[in-house]
């Protein structure tokens, strides 16, 4: 999923905590092997290469794809996994660590708006997924949020009394924190570094501050506006969202980031039962409705 991973496990016994932590990293590697668009043998790569034919996938991959389609519907297309062609056309066509930070101008094809998820067929009886011809998926942040939820829940079921699974800023916390009376989260994308306190839940950030590169005189970033197929031109540097689960926070962070103004961002989060904050063009944070209850 092209990101750093941090896992905190709280357990009654230190050895158990270490064992569960090691297991969590192995589990995340398994999920990465299924969902990476940079591994030719991943389930996602097989699906993208199927050219309109149904592909039977593992149950957990089917659930992720069902969540992706639902997220597209619930955010009115803002969270769109069908932007893979647009991302690649902008120069992000390999693991980000291998993307040249500066290079010659792109002969960028006019890929146009993303196709959206309306044509994706999910068959829960067979466990198969069919993409329309020409449609490819980039699960990116959706996979990070989903994986954080899966691993956190599995660690809790395995005996952990407190868990934080953080995949590059998409995180899920459950249970008892290692200290203090809540899980303390600093929003690093904002220059004023606001601090949030959660007893339990998910946090996700969509940002154009970090994954950037230049081709010729043009700067690109990885957050595609599905309406245009180009890197989003919005007044925000980032959006951070708090929700019950990381997977939902991730989807809603896309909707808030693509909102043209504060009122639209608030409306998007209210519909999703979430709150959060925006990072303006000057790098300072702007709290949205309800976020003050989580400030520390």
Protein backbone atom coordinates (compact mmCIF):
# COMPACT_ATOMS: atom_id res chain seq x y z
CA UNK A 1 0.00 0.00 0.00
CA UNK A 2 3.05 2.21 -0.32
CA UNK A 3 3.18 3.55 3.22
CA UNK A 4 4.82 3.36 6.63
CA UNK A 5 3.25 1.15 9.30
CA UNK A 6 3.13 1.68 13.05
CA UNK A 7 1.39 -0.75 15.40
CA UNK A 8 0.95 -0.31 19.15
CA UNK A 9 -0.31 -3.27 21.17
CA UNK A 10 -1.26 -3.09 24.85
CA UNK A 11 -1.53 -6.45 26.63
CA UNK A 12 -1.38 -7.81 30.17
CA UNK A 13 1.92 -9.52 29.35
CA UNK A 14 4.82 -7.85 27.52
CA UNK A 15 5.75 -11.01 25.63
CA UNK A 16 2.17 -11.36 24.38
CA UNK A 17 2.24 -7.75 23.21
CA UNK A 18 5.43 -8.36 21.22
CA UNK A 19 4.03 -11.54 19.68
CA UNK A 20 0.83 -9.82 18.65
CA UNK A 21 2.79 -6.89 17.23
CA UNK A 22 4.91 -9.19 15.07
CA UNK A 23 1.78 -11.03 13.94
CA UNK A 24 0.14 -7.72 12.99
CA UNK A 25 3.03 -6.79 10.69
CA UNK A 26 2.87 -10.20 9.02
CA UNK A 27 -0.87 -9.83 8.57
CA UNK A 28 -0.45 -6.41 6.98
CA UNK A 29 2.13 -7.84 4.58
CA UNK A 30 -0.43 -10.49 3.56
CA UNK A 31 -2.99 -7.80 2.82
CA UNK A 32 -0.42 -5.75 0.90
CA UNK A 33 0.29 -8.80 -1.26
CA UNK A 34 -3.41 -9.01 -2.12
CA UNK A 35 -4.17 -5.33 -2.74
CA UNK A 36 -1.04 -3.69 -4.18
CA UNK A 37 -1.34 -2.31 -7.71
CA UNK A 38 2.46 -2.56 -7.98
CA UNK A 39 2.65 -6.36 -7.59
CA UNK A 40 1.74 -8.19 -10.79
CA UNK A 41 0.63 -11.29 -8.86
CA UNK A 42 -1.72 -9.48 -6.46
CA UNK A 43 -5.46 -10.07 -6.55
CA UNK A 44 -5.95 -6.44 -7.53
CA UNK A 45 -3.54 -6.75 -10.47
CA UNK A 46 -5.31 -9.92 -11.65
CA UNK A 47 -8.64 -8.13 -11.45
CA UNK A 48 -7.35 -5.08 -13.32
CA UNK A 49 -5.97 -7.31 -16.07
CA UNK A 50 -9.17 -9.34 -16.51
CA UNK A 51 -10.62 -7.01 -19.18
CA UNK A 52 -14.29 -7.43 -18.31
CA UNK A 53 -14.17 -11.04 -17.16
CA UNK A 54 -15.33 -12.07 -13.65
CA UNK A 55 -12.57 -12.83 -11.16
CA UNK A 56 -13.13 -14.84 -7.98
CA UNK A 57 -11.35 -13.13 -5.09
CA UNK A 58 -10.77 -13.93 -1.43
CA UNK A 59 -13.59 -13.07 0.94
CA UNK A 60 -11.69 -10.20 2.56
CA UNK A 61 -10.89 -8.70 -0.86
CA UNK A 62 -14.54 -8.98 -1.86
CA UNK A 63 -15.52 -7.07 1.31
CA UNK A 64 -12.97 -4.35 0.56
CA UNK A 65 -14.29 -3.96 -2.97
CA UNK A 66 -17.88 -3.86 -1.73
CA UNK A 67 -16.83 -1.14 0.71
CA UNK A 68 -15.14 0.75 -2.15
CA UNK A 69 -18.31 0.75 -4.22
CA UNK A 70 -20.45 1.79 -1.25
CA UNK A 71 -18.01 4.59 -0.44
CA UNK A 72 -18.28 5.87 -4.01
CA UNK A 73 -22.07 5.90 -3.70
CA UNK A 74 -22.14 7.51 -0.24
CA UNK A 75 -19.72 10.29 -1.16
CA UNK A 76 -21.44 11.07 -4.46
CA UNK A 77 -18.35 9.92 -6.37
CA UNK A 78 -15.73 11.86 -4.38
CA UNK A 79 -14.12 8.66 -3.09
CA UNK A 80 -13.54 6.85 -6.37
CA UNK A 81 -11.32 3.77 -6.72
CA UNK A 82 -11.49 3.92 -10.54
CA UNK A 83 -8.87 6.68 -10.79
CA UNK A 84 -5.99 4.26 -11.45
CA UNK A 85 -5.49 5.35 -15.06
CA UNK A 86 -5.46 9.02 -14.05
CA UNK A 87 -2.93 8.42 -11.28
CA UNK A 88 -0.61 6.57 -13.66
CA UNK A 89 -1.03 9.21 -16.38
CA UNK A 90 0.11 11.85 -13.88
CA UNK A 91 3.40 10.00 -13.35
CA UNK A 92 2.57 7.92 -10.27
CA UNK A 93 2.91 4.63 -12.15
CA UNK A 94 5.12 2.75 -9.69
CA UNK A 95 5.77 2.51 -5.96
CA UNK A 96 6.19 6.10 -4.79
CA UNK A 97 9.71 5.45 -3.51
CA UNK A 98 10.69 4.86 -7.15
CA UNK A 99 8.92 7.92 -8.60
CA UNK A 100 11.45 10.51 -9.77
CA UNK A 101 10.90 13.78 -7.84
CA UNK A 102 11.70 15.84 -10.94
CA UNK A 103 11.64 14.99 -14.60
CA UNK A 104 10.73 16.03 -18.14
CA UNK A 105 7.24 17.26 -18.98
CA UNK A 106 4.63 14.55 -19.38
CA UNK A 107 2.87 13.90 -22.63
CA UNK A 108 -0.21 13.39 -20.52
CA UNK A 109 -3.18 11.84 -22.34
CA UNK A 110 -6.52 13.47 -21.71
CA UNK A 111 -7.96 10.65 -19.62
CA UNK A 112 -10.99 12.72 -18.65
CA UNK A 113 -13.33 12.04 -15.72
CA UNK A 114 -13.03 8.74 -13.91
CA UNK A 115 -15.52 6.09 -15.03
CA UNK A 116 -16.90 5.53 -11.53
CA UNK A 117 -18.21 2.33 -9.96
CA UNK A 118 -21.65 2.02 -11.53
CA UNK A 119 -20.54 -0.73 -13.91
CA UNK A 120 -18.73 -2.90 -11.33
CA UNK A 121 -20.51 -6.19 -10.72
CA UNK A 122 -20.15 -7.86 -7.32
CA UNK A 123 -21.48 -11.43 -7.08
CA UNK A 124 -21.67 -12.38 -3.37
CA UNK A 125 -22.75 -15.96 -4.14
CA UNK A 126 -19.70 -16.81 -6.23
CA UNK A 127 -17.46 -14.22 -4.59
CA UNK A 128 -16.51 -12.75 -7.94
CA UNK A 129 -15.92 -9.21 -9.16
CA UNK A 130 -16.27 -7.99 -12.73
CA UNK A 131 -14.83 -4.67 -13.87
CA UNK A 132 -16.11 -3.08 -17.08
CA UNK A 133 -13.59 -3.23 -19.94
CA UNK A 134 -11.07 -0.42 -19.62
CA UNK A 135 -11.75 0.20 -15.92
CA UNK A 136 -8.89 -0.35 -13.45
CA UNK A 137 -8.82 0.18 -9.70
CA UNK A 138 -6.39 1.88 -7.35
CA UNK A 139 -7.49 0.92 -3.83
CA UNK A 140 -4.80 3.12 -2.23
CA UNK A 141 -6.17 4.88 0.85
CA UNK A 142 -9.30 2.73 0.94
CA UNK A 143 -7.11 -0.33 1.41
CA UNK A 144 -5.12 1.39 4.17
CA UNK A 145 -8.21 2.31 6.15
CA UNK A 146 -9.79 -1.10 5.64
CA UNK A 147 -6.57 -2.89 6.64
CA UNK A 148 -6.23 -0.78 9.80
CA UNK A 149 -9.75 -1.81 10.84
CA UNK A 150 -9.20 -5.49 10.04
CA UNK A 151 -5.92 -5.81 11.91
CA UNK A 152 -7.07 -3.77 14.91
CA UNK A 153 -10.21 -5.89 15.28
CA UNK A 154 -8.24 -9.12 14.88
CA UNK A 155 -5.70 -8.03 17.49
CA UNK A 156 -8.53 -7.26 19.90
CA UNK A 157 -10.03 -10.70 19.29
CA UNK A 158 -6.59 -12.27 19.89
CA UNK A 159 -6.33 -10.80 23.39
CA UNK A 160 -4.94 -7.28 23.08
CA UNK A 161 -6.56 -4.87 25.53
CA UNK A 162 -5.53 -1.83 23.49
CA UNK A 163 -4.51 -1.38 19.86
CA UNK A 164 -3.43 1.37 17.48
CA UNK A 165 -2.85 0.41 13.85
CA UNK A 166 -1.52 3.36 11.84
CA UNK A 167 -0.94 3.05 8.10
CA UNK A 168 0.50 6.34 6.95
CA UNK A 169 -2.03 8.43 8.87
CA UNK A 170 -5.04 6.18 8.34
CA UNK A 171 -5.47 4.64 11.77
CA UNK A 172 -7.82 2.74 14.04
CA UNK A 173 -7.64 2.71 17.83
CA UNK A 174 -9.51 0.40 20.19
CA UNK A 175 -9.37 -0.37 23.89
CA UNK A 176 -6.93 0.85 26.52
CA UNK A 177 -4.16 3.27 25.48
CA UNK A 178 -0.63 2.68 26.84
CA UNK A 179 -0.86 5.84 28.94
CA UNK A 180 -3.18 8.80 29.52
CA UNK A 181 -6.95 8.37 29.35
CA UNK A 182 -7.23 8.42 25.55
CA UNK A 183 -5.33 7.78 22.35
CA UNK A 184 -3.52 11.02 21.53
CA UNK A 185 -3.11 11.85 17.84
CA UNK A 186 -1.19 14.80 16.43
CA UNK A 187 -2.27 16.03 13.00
CA UNK A 188 1.12 16.43 11.33
CA UNK A 189 -0.24 17.83 8.07
CA UNK A 190 -1.13 21.11 9.81
CA UNK A 191 1.66 23.53 10.73
CA UNK A 192 -0.05 24.33 14.06
CA UNK A 193 -0.11 20.58 14.89
CA UNK A 194 -3.57 20.22 16.47
CA UNK A 195 -3.93 17.31 18.89
CA UNK A 196 -6.93 14.97 18.97
CA UNK A 197 -7.94 12.57 21.75
CA UNK A 198 -9.97 9.42 20.99
CA UNK A 199 -11.26 6.69 23.23
CA UNK A 200 -11.94 4.55 20.17
CA UNK A 201 -12.47 5.06 16.46
CA UNK A 202 -10.78 5.81 13.18
CA UNK A 203 -8.85 8.78 11.80
CA UNK A 204 -7.75 9.35 8.21
CA UNK A 205 -6.05 12.15 6.34
CA UNK A 206 -6.10 13.03 2.64
CA UNK A 207 -3.23 15.37 1.80
CA UNK A 208 -1.43 16.92 -1.15
CA UNK A 209 1.54 18.00 0.98
CA UNK A 210 3.71 14.90 0.80
CA UNK A 211 3.31 12.83 -2.35
CA UNK A 212 4.27 15.44 -4.90
CA UNK A 213 6.57 15.44 -7.93
CA UNK A 214 7.39 17.71 -10.86
CA UNK A 215 7.32 17.02 -14.56
CA UNK A 216 8.63 19.96 -16.52
CA UNK A 217 7.09 23.08 -15.00
CA UNK A 218 4.06 21.28 -13.59
CA UNK A 219 3.75 20.00 -10.03
CA UNK A 220 1.61 16.91 -9.54
CA UNK A 221 0.17 15.21 -6.49
CA UNK A 222 -1.58 11.88 -6.01
CA UNK A 223 -5.10 13.01 -5.02
CA UNK A 224 -7.11 12.82 -8.22
CA UNK A 225 -10.34 14.73 -8.70
CA UNK A 226 -12.63 12.10 -10.27
CA UNK A 227 -14.57 14.84 -12.05
CA UNK A 228 -11.56 15.85 -14.13
CA UNK A 229 -9.10 12.95 -13.96
CA UNK A 230 -6.37 15.40 -12.92
CA UNK A 231 -4.74 16.14 -9.55
CA UNK A 232 -7.30 18.05 -7.50
CA UNK A 233 -7.20 21.84 -7.46
CA UNK A 234 -8.76 22.72 -4.13
CA UNK A 235 -8.18 25.38 -1.46
CA UNK A 236 -7.00 22.81 1.08
CA UNK A 237 -3.65 21.18 1.67
CA UNK A 238 -5.23 18.35 3.63
CA UNK A 239 -8.37 17.06 5.32
CA UNK A 240 -8.41 14.93 8.47
CA UNK A 241 -11.57 13.06 9.47
CA UNK A 242 -12.65 11.26 12.65
CA UNK A 243 -15.21 8.46 12.27
CA UNK A 244 -16.17 5.20 13.94
CA UNK A 245 -13.91 3.19 11.63
CA UNK A 246 -10.77 4.00 9.67
CA UNK A 247 -12.32 2.82 6.41
CA UNK A 248 -15.17 5.33 6.74
CA UNK A 249 -12.83 8.13 7.85
CA UNK A 250 -10.72 7.52 4.73
CA UNK A 251 -13.67 7.75 2.35
CA UNK A 252 -15.02 10.87 4.02
CA UNK A 253 -11.59 12.52 4.06
CA UNK A 254 -11.65 12.41 0.26
CA UNK A 255 -15.08 14.05 0.24
CA UNK A 256 -13.97 16.79 2.65
CA UNK A 257 -10.75 17.41 0.72
CA UNK A 258 -12.59 17.84 -2.58
CA UNK A 259 -15.18 20.17 -1.05
CA UNK A 260 -14.99 23.68 -2.53
CA UNK A 261 -15.64 25.42 0.78
CA UNK A 262 -16.14 24.84 4.51
CA UNK A 263 -19.91 24.58 4.25
CA UNK A 264 -19.65 21.76 1.70
CA UNK A 265 -17.05 19.94 3.81
CA UNK A 266 -19.28 20.16 6.88
CA UNK A 267 -22.24 18.85 4.89
CA UNK A 268 -20.24 15.88 3.59
CA UNK A 269 -19.12 14.90 7.09
CA UNK A 270 -22.56 15.38 8.63
CA UNK A 271 -24.00 12.96 6.08
CA UNK A 272 -21.35 10.42 7.09
CA UNK A 273 -21.74 10.92 10.84
CA UNK A 274 -18.19 12.22 11.16
CA UNK A 275 -16.18 15.33 12.00
CA UNK A 276 -12.69 16.61 11.36
CA UNK A 277 -10.62 19.54 10.22
CA UNK A 278 -9.20 21.09 7.09
CA UNK A 279 -5.70 22.43 6.52
CA UNK A 280 -5.86 25.70 4.61
CA UNK A 281 -3.43 26.92 2.01
CA UNK A 282 -1.40 28.72 4.68
CA UNK A 283 -0.87 25.45 6.57
CA UNK A 284 -3.10 26.23 9.56
CA UNK A 285 -5.95 23.99 10.67
CA UNK A 286 -9.61 24.88 10.48
CA UNK A 287 -11.95 22.89 12.71
CA UNK A 288 -15.20 21.56 11.29
CA UNK A 289 -18.49 21.07 13.13
CA UNK A 290 -18.11 18.82 16.18
CA UNK A 291 -14.34 18.46 16.20
CA UNK A 292 -13.85 20.53 19.36
CA UNK A 293 -15.13 17.58 21.41
CA UNK A 294 -12.02 15.67 20.33
CA UNK A 295 -9.43 18.41 20.77
CA UNK A 296 -6.83 18.03 23.52
